[in-house]
Amino acid sequence: MDRPSARTWLDLYATAWEQADADAVTELFTDSASYRSHIFRAPHLGRDAIRAYWERATSTQSDISVRFGLPLVDQDRVAAEWWTTFRDDDDGEVTLPGCLILRFAKDGRCEDLREYWHFAPGRQEPHDGWGSLREGGSPEASLHAVRWSENYAGAWKAGNADAVALLYTEDAVYRSHPFRPPSVGRDGVLAYTKEAFASEESPAPRFGRPIAQGSSAVIEYWTTLRENGEEATLAGCDVLQFSEDGLVVEAREYWHLEPGTHESPESWGT
């Protein structure tokens, strides 16, 4: 898979969504594909199940507009942010941004898909920098991402917000959620992380294998923890852009928080 081919696939996916064309979506997947529309829900297995899911999902949607950011391509794996607005019969005007994690077969069809996303009422425009990837910097994104995830996991387990902040540049821009204001600068990252860690106990974070290209990477994470005294599981992905020395210049996150303790799916993080 290369970036032009990935872009073509995403354009076809976007068009099929905008036209509520479940058959067109189905053609983009292998016969035995796994489609996980929510990381804590069972996957839709096979093209018939994918078609049935898309028929249900789009049956209440109209006036759909789908945009994709620049995809990251790493051999047979692709990550891409999306930003969708539509009208729902039950919820009215809504905005749904997220990130797709894809793996492709040799024939160019997708054989595995996972989504992380957020939902908000009303039609909202993407924030500044959404969907962009850093030009220049270091081309060693995969190495930087592995090192970053190892250091972040250690700091997270220890509740060490200061160590987390040191993984970002002095002028970093960090978005923990697409509808929240960004945390700006290393001091902003530190303040956000201290607040987040204050409500957590016993985190056990794991990071997946990065999808990396140039100076950018996307990494999935999974952790069980106690959130405000209750057992919970947090799963998501980080969209990271690195400086030449391996610090994060810009970060965007998409995630789901679920009550209780949950194991990651078999294909997660690969």
Protein backbone atom coordinates (compact mmCIF):
# COMPACT_ATOMS: atom_id res chain seq x y z
CA MET A 1 0.00 0.00 0.00
CA ASP A 2 1.24 3.51 -0.84
CA ARG A 3 -0.19 6.94 -0.04
CA PRO A 4 -1.92 7.50 -3.43
CA SER A 5 -3.59 4.07 -3.19
CA ALA A 6 -4.61 4.74 0.40
CA ARG A 7 -6.03 8.11 -0.61
CA THR A 8 -8.05 6.48 -3.40
CA TRP A 9 -9.49 3.91 -0.97
CA LEU A 10 -10.40 6.63 1.54
CA ASP A 11 -12.04 8.74 -1.17
CA LEU A 12 -14.17 5.77 -2.21
CA TYR A 13 -15.08 5.12 1.42
CA ALA A 14 -16.04 8.78 1.93
CA THR A 15 -18.20 8.82 -1.21
CA ALA A 16 -19.95 5.60 -0.21
CA TRP A 17 -20.68 7.04 3.25
CA GLU A 18 -22.00 10.33 1.82
CA GLN A 19 -24.28 8.39 -0.53
CA ALA A 20 -25.28 5.86 2.18
CA ASP A 21 -24.23 3.15 -0.26
CA ALA A 22 -23.66 0.00 1.81
CA ASP A 23 -22.86 -2.06 -1.31
CA ALA A 24 -20.09 0.36 -2.33
CA VAL A 25 -18.59 0.24 1.16
CA THR A 26 -18.71 -3.55 1.16
CA GLU A 27 -16.72 -3.73 -2.09
CA LEU A 28 -13.79 -2.08 -0.31
CA PHE A 29 -13.32 -5.05 2.05
CA THR A 30 -12.14 -8.63 1.66
CA ASP A 31 -14.64 -11.48 2.01
CA SER A 32 -13.42 -12.30 5.54
CA ALA A 33 -12.69 -8.76 6.73
CA SER A 34 -13.06 -7.68 10.35
CA TYR A 35 -14.73 -4.29 10.87
CA ARG A 36 -14.74 -2.99 14.45
CA SER A 37 -16.86 0.19 14.61
CA HIS A 38 -16.24 0.55 18.37
CA ILE A 39 -13.21 -0.91 20.11
CA PHE A 40 -15.32 -2.29 22.97
CA ARG A 41 -17.95 -3.89 20.75
CA ALA A 42 -17.88 -7.15 18.80
CA PRO A 43 -16.54 -6.79 15.23
CA HIS A 44 -18.63 -7.17 12.08
CA LEU A 45 -17.07 -10.22 10.42
CA GLY A 46 -17.29 -10.71 6.67
CA ARG A 47 -18.78 -8.61 3.92
CA ASP A 48 -22.40 -9.55 4.63
CA ALA A 49 -22.06 -8.38 8.24
CA ILE A 50 -20.30 -5.18 7.13
CA ARG A 51 -23.09 -4.46 4.64
CA ALA A 52 -25.76 -5.06 7.29
CA TYR A 53 -23.97 -2.75 9.74
CA TRP A 54 -23.67 0.03 7.17
CA GLU A 55 -27.30 -0.27 6.18
CA ARG A 56 -28.30 0.18 9.83
CA ALA A 57 -25.77 2.93 10.55
CA THR A 58 -26.69 5.12 7.59
CA SER A 59 -30.45 4.49 7.62
CA THR A 60 -31.00 7.47 9.96
CA GLN A 61 -28.33 9.73 8.41
CA SER A 62 -28.74 12.43 5.74
CA ASP A 63 -26.85 15.46 4.38
CA ILE A 64 -23.58 13.66 5.09
CA SER A 65 -20.19 15.34 4.59
CA VAL A 66 -17.00 13.28 5.05
CA ARG A 67 -13.41 14.54 5.07
CA PHE A 68 -10.17 12.63 5.58
CA GLY A 69 -6.82 13.96 6.70
CA LEU A 70 -3.52 12.96 5.14
CA PRO A 71 -3.08 9.20 5.64
CA LEU A 72 -0.08 7.56 7.26
CA VAL A 73 1.04 4.48 5.32
CA ASP A 74 3.35 1.82 6.79
CA GLN A 75 3.60 -1.21 4.47
CA ASP A 76 0.14 -2.86 4.62
CA ARG A 77 -1.15 -0.65 7.45
CA VAL A 78 -2.78 2.76 7.19
CA ALA A 79 -4.04 5.31 9.72
CA ALA A 80 -6.24 8.25 8.75
CA GLU A 81 -8.25 10.84 10.65
CA TRP A 82 -11.78 11.61 9.49
CA TRP A 83 -14.22 14.44 10.19
CA THR A 84 -17.89 13.84 9.37
CA THR A 85 -21.02 15.95 9.83
CA PHE A 86 -24.56 14.75 9.12
CA ARG A 87 -28.16 14.99 10.19
CA ASP A 88 -29.45 12.11 12.28
CA ASP A 89 -33.16 11.36 12.60
CA ASP A 90 -32.86 11.05 16.38
CA ASP A 91 -30.03 13.44 17.31
CA GLY A 92 -30.36 16.20 14.71
CA GLU A 93 -27.19 17.84 13.38
CA VAL A 94 -24.05 16.07 14.65
CA THR A 95 -20.28 16.01 14.19
CA LEU A 96 -18.30 12.76 14.32
CA PRO A 97 -14.49 12.93 14.08
CA GLY A 98 -12.22 9.95 14.54
CA CYS A 99 -9.29 7.88 13.36
CA LEU A 100 -9.31 4.70 11.27
CA ILE A 101 -6.70 1.97 11.79
CA LEU A 102 -6.59 -0.19 8.64
CA ARG A 103 -4.74 -3.23 7.36
CA PHE A 104 -4.86 -4.10 3.66
CA ALA A 105 -4.64 -7.30 1.65
CA LYS A 106 -2.45 -7.53 -1.45
CA ASP A 107 -5.42 -6.83 -3.72
CA GLY A 108 -5.88 -3.39 -2.14
CA ARG A 109 -8.99 -4.27 -0.15
CA CYS A 110 -9.16 -3.76 3.59
CA GLU A 111 -9.01 -6.89 5.75
CA ASP A 112 -9.06 -5.27 9.20
CA LEU A 113 -10.52 -1.96 10.44
CA ARG A 114 -10.72 -0.40 13.89
CA GLU A 115 -12.23 2.99 14.77
CA TYR A 116 -11.75 5.49 17.58
CA TRP A 117 -14.09 8.48 17.54
CA HIS A 118 -15.95 11.23 19.38
CA PHE A 119 -19.45 12.62 18.99
CA ALA A 120 -20.83 16.13 19.47
CA PRO A 121 -24.16 17.84 18.70
CA GLY A 122 -24.25 20.42 15.94
CA ARG A 123 -22.11 20.85 12.84
CA GLN A 124 -18.59 21.84 13.85
CA GLU A 125 -15.61 22.61 11.65
CA PRO A 126 -12.25 20.88 12.22
CA HIS A 127 -9.83 22.69 14.48
CA ASP A 128 -6.63 24.24 13.17
CA GLY A 129 -4.09 21.60 12.22
CA TRP A 130 -6.62 18.78 12.05
CA GLY A 131 -5.66 16.04 9.59
CA SER A 132 -2.25 17.55 8.82
CA LEU A 133 1.11 15.82 9.16
CA ARG A 134 4.46 17.40 9.87
CA GLU A 135 6.78 18.15 6.98
CA GLY A 136 10.49 17.92 7.59
CA GLY A 137 11.80 16.95 11.00
CA SER A 138 13.27 13.50 11.51
CA PRO A 139 12.31 10.63 9.19
CA GLU A 140 12.80 8.18 12.07
CA ALA A 141 9.19 8.25 13.22
CA SER A 142 8.99 4.53 13.94
CA LEU A 143 12.04 4.60 16.21
CA HIS A 144 10.88 7.79 17.92
CA ALA A 145 7.38 6.38 18.42
CA VAL A 146 8.60 3.16 20.04
CA ARG A 147 10.89 5.09 22.37
CA TRP A 148 8.13 7.62 23.15
CA SER A 149 5.58 4.91 23.93
CA GLU A 150 7.98 3.04 26.22
CA ASN A 151 8.83 6.21 28.13
CA TYR A 152 5.20 7.33 28.28
CA ALA A 153 4.03 3.93 29.56
CA GLY A 154 6.64 3.99 32.33
CA ALA A 155 5.71 7.53 33.36
CA TRP A 156 1.98 6.72 33.24
CA LYS A 157 2.39 3.67 35.48
CA ALA A 158 4.39 5.77 37.95
CA GLY A 159 1.95 8.70 37.80
CA ASN A 160 4.90 10.91 36.85
CA ALA A 161 3.42 13.86 34.94
CA ASP A 162 6.79 15.65 34.86
CA ALA A 163 8.35 12.75 32.95
CA VAL A 164 5.46 12.81 30.47
CA ALA A 165 5.88 16.54 29.83
CA LEU A 166 9.56 16.05 29.00
CA LEU A 167 8.52 13.91 26.00
CA TYR A 168 7.10 17.06 24.31
CA THR A 169 8.80 20.13 22.87
CA GLU A 170 8.63 23.49 24.66
CA ASP A 171 6.07 24.74 22.11
CA ALA A 172 4.11 21.49 21.63
CA VAL A 173 0.39 21.49 20.85
CA TYR A 174 -1.49 18.60 22.49
CA ARG A 175 -5.17 17.85 21.89
CA SER A 176 -6.56 15.23 24.26
CA HIS A 177 -9.97 15.45 22.55
CA PRO A 178 -11.04 16.97 19.20
CA PHE A 179 -13.68 19.18 20.86
CA ARG A 180 -11.52 20.52 23.70
CA PRO A 181 -9.08 23.43 23.60
CA PRO A 182 -5.49 22.27 23.12
CA SER A 183 -2.88 22.13 25.87
CA VAL A 184 -0.15 24.44 24.57
CA GLY A 185 3.54 24.13 25.38
CA ARG A 186 5.29 21.76 27.74
CA ASP A 187 3.68 23.58 30.67
CA GLY A 188 0.26 22.98 29.15
CA VAL A 189 0.98 19.27 28.70
CA LEU A 190 2.18 19.09 32.31
CA ALA A 191 -0.94 20.80 33.67
CA TYR A 192 -3.29 18.54 31.70
CA THR A 193 -1.40 15.37 32.61
CA LYS A 194 -1.31 16.21 36.32
CA GLU A 195 -5.08 16.71 36.30
CA ALA A 196 -5.66 13.44 34.39
CA PHE A 197 -3.36 11.40 36.62
CA ALA A 198 -5.01 12.80 39.77
CA SER A 199 -8.22 10.86 39.04
CA GLU A 200 -6.47 7.58 38.10
CA GLU A 201 -5.20 4.63 40.12
CA SER A 202 -3.28 1.52 39.09
CA PRO A 203 -2.99 2.19 35.33
CA ALA A 204 -1.51 -0.67 33.30
CA PRO A 205 -0.87 0.92 29.87
CA ARG A 206 0.21 -0.95 26.76
CA PHE A 207 1.02 0.54 23.37
CA GLY A 208 0.68 -1.13 19.99
CA ARG A 209 3.14 -1.21 17.10
CA PRO A 210 3.34 2.27 15.53
CA ILE A 211 2.06 3.07 12.07
CA ALA A 212 4.84 5.42 11.03
CA GLN A 213 5.79 7.45 7.98
CA GLY A 214 8.25 10.32 7.69
CA SER A 215 8.22 12.23 10.98
CA SER A 216 4.70 11.19 12.07
CA ALA A 217 3.17 8.13 13.70
CA VAL A 218 -0.11 6.76 15.03
CA ILE A 219 0.01 4.46 18.07
CA GLU A 220 -2.85 2.63 19.76
CA TYR A 221 -2.92 2.34 23.55
CA TRP A 222 -4.91 0.24 26.02
CA THR A 223 -5.03 0.51 29.78
CA THR A 224 -7.11 -0.77 32.65
CA LEU A 225 -7.28 1.55 35.66
CA ARG A 226 -9.45 2.88 38.43
CA GLU A 227 -11.08 6.16 37.34
CA ASN A 228 -12.45 8.15 40.29
CA GLY A 229 -12.52 4.94 42.29
CA GLU A 230 -14.29 2.81 39.66
CA GLU A 231 -12.81 0.08 37.46
CA ALA A 232 -12.53 1.24 33.85
CA THR A 233 -10.72 0.58 30.60
CA LEU A 234 -9.35 3.32 28.34
CA ALA A 235 -8.45 2.55 24.71
CA GLY A 236 -7.43 4.98 22.03
CA CYS A 237 -4.83 6.17 19.58
CA ASP A 238 -2.32 9.02 19.48
CA VAL A 239 -1.53 10.91 16.28
CA LEU A 240 2.03 12.15 16.87
CA GLN A 241 4.42 14.42 14.98
CA PHE A 242 8.07 14.38 16.01
CA SER A 243 10.94 16.83 16.03
CA GLU A 244 14.39 15.80 14.81
CA ASP A 245 15.40 14.79 18.34
CA GLY A 246 12.32 12.60 18.88
CA LEU A 247 10.18 14.93 20.98
CA VAL A 248 6.50 15.38 20.18
CA VAL A 249 5.72 18.66 18.41
CA GLU A 250 2.01 18.01 17.96
CA ALA A 251 -0.34 15.32 19.31
CA ARG A 252 -4.01 14.53 18.74
CA GLU A 253 -5.97 11.78 20.53
CA TYR A 254 -9.13 9.77 19.90
CA TRP A 255 -10.33 7.34 22.56
CA HIS A 256 -13.12 5.45 24.30
CA LEU A 257 -13.55 4.98 28.06
CA GLU A 258 -15.59 1.97 29.16
CA PRO A 259 -16.71 0.95 32.66
CA GLY A 260 -15.18 -2.30 33.92
CA THR A 261 -12.06 -4.24 33.05
CA HIS A 262 -11.74 -5.40 29.43
CA GLU A 263 -9.11 -7.33 27.49
CA SER A 264 -7.93 -5.95 24.15
CA PRO A 265 -9.10 -7.70 20.95
CA GLU A 266 -6.76 -10.25 19.41
CA SER A 267 -5.79 -8.06 16.46
CA TRP A 268 -5.42 -4.90 18.55
CA GLY A 269 -2.16 -2.97 18.24
CA THR A 270 -0.71 -5.08 15.42
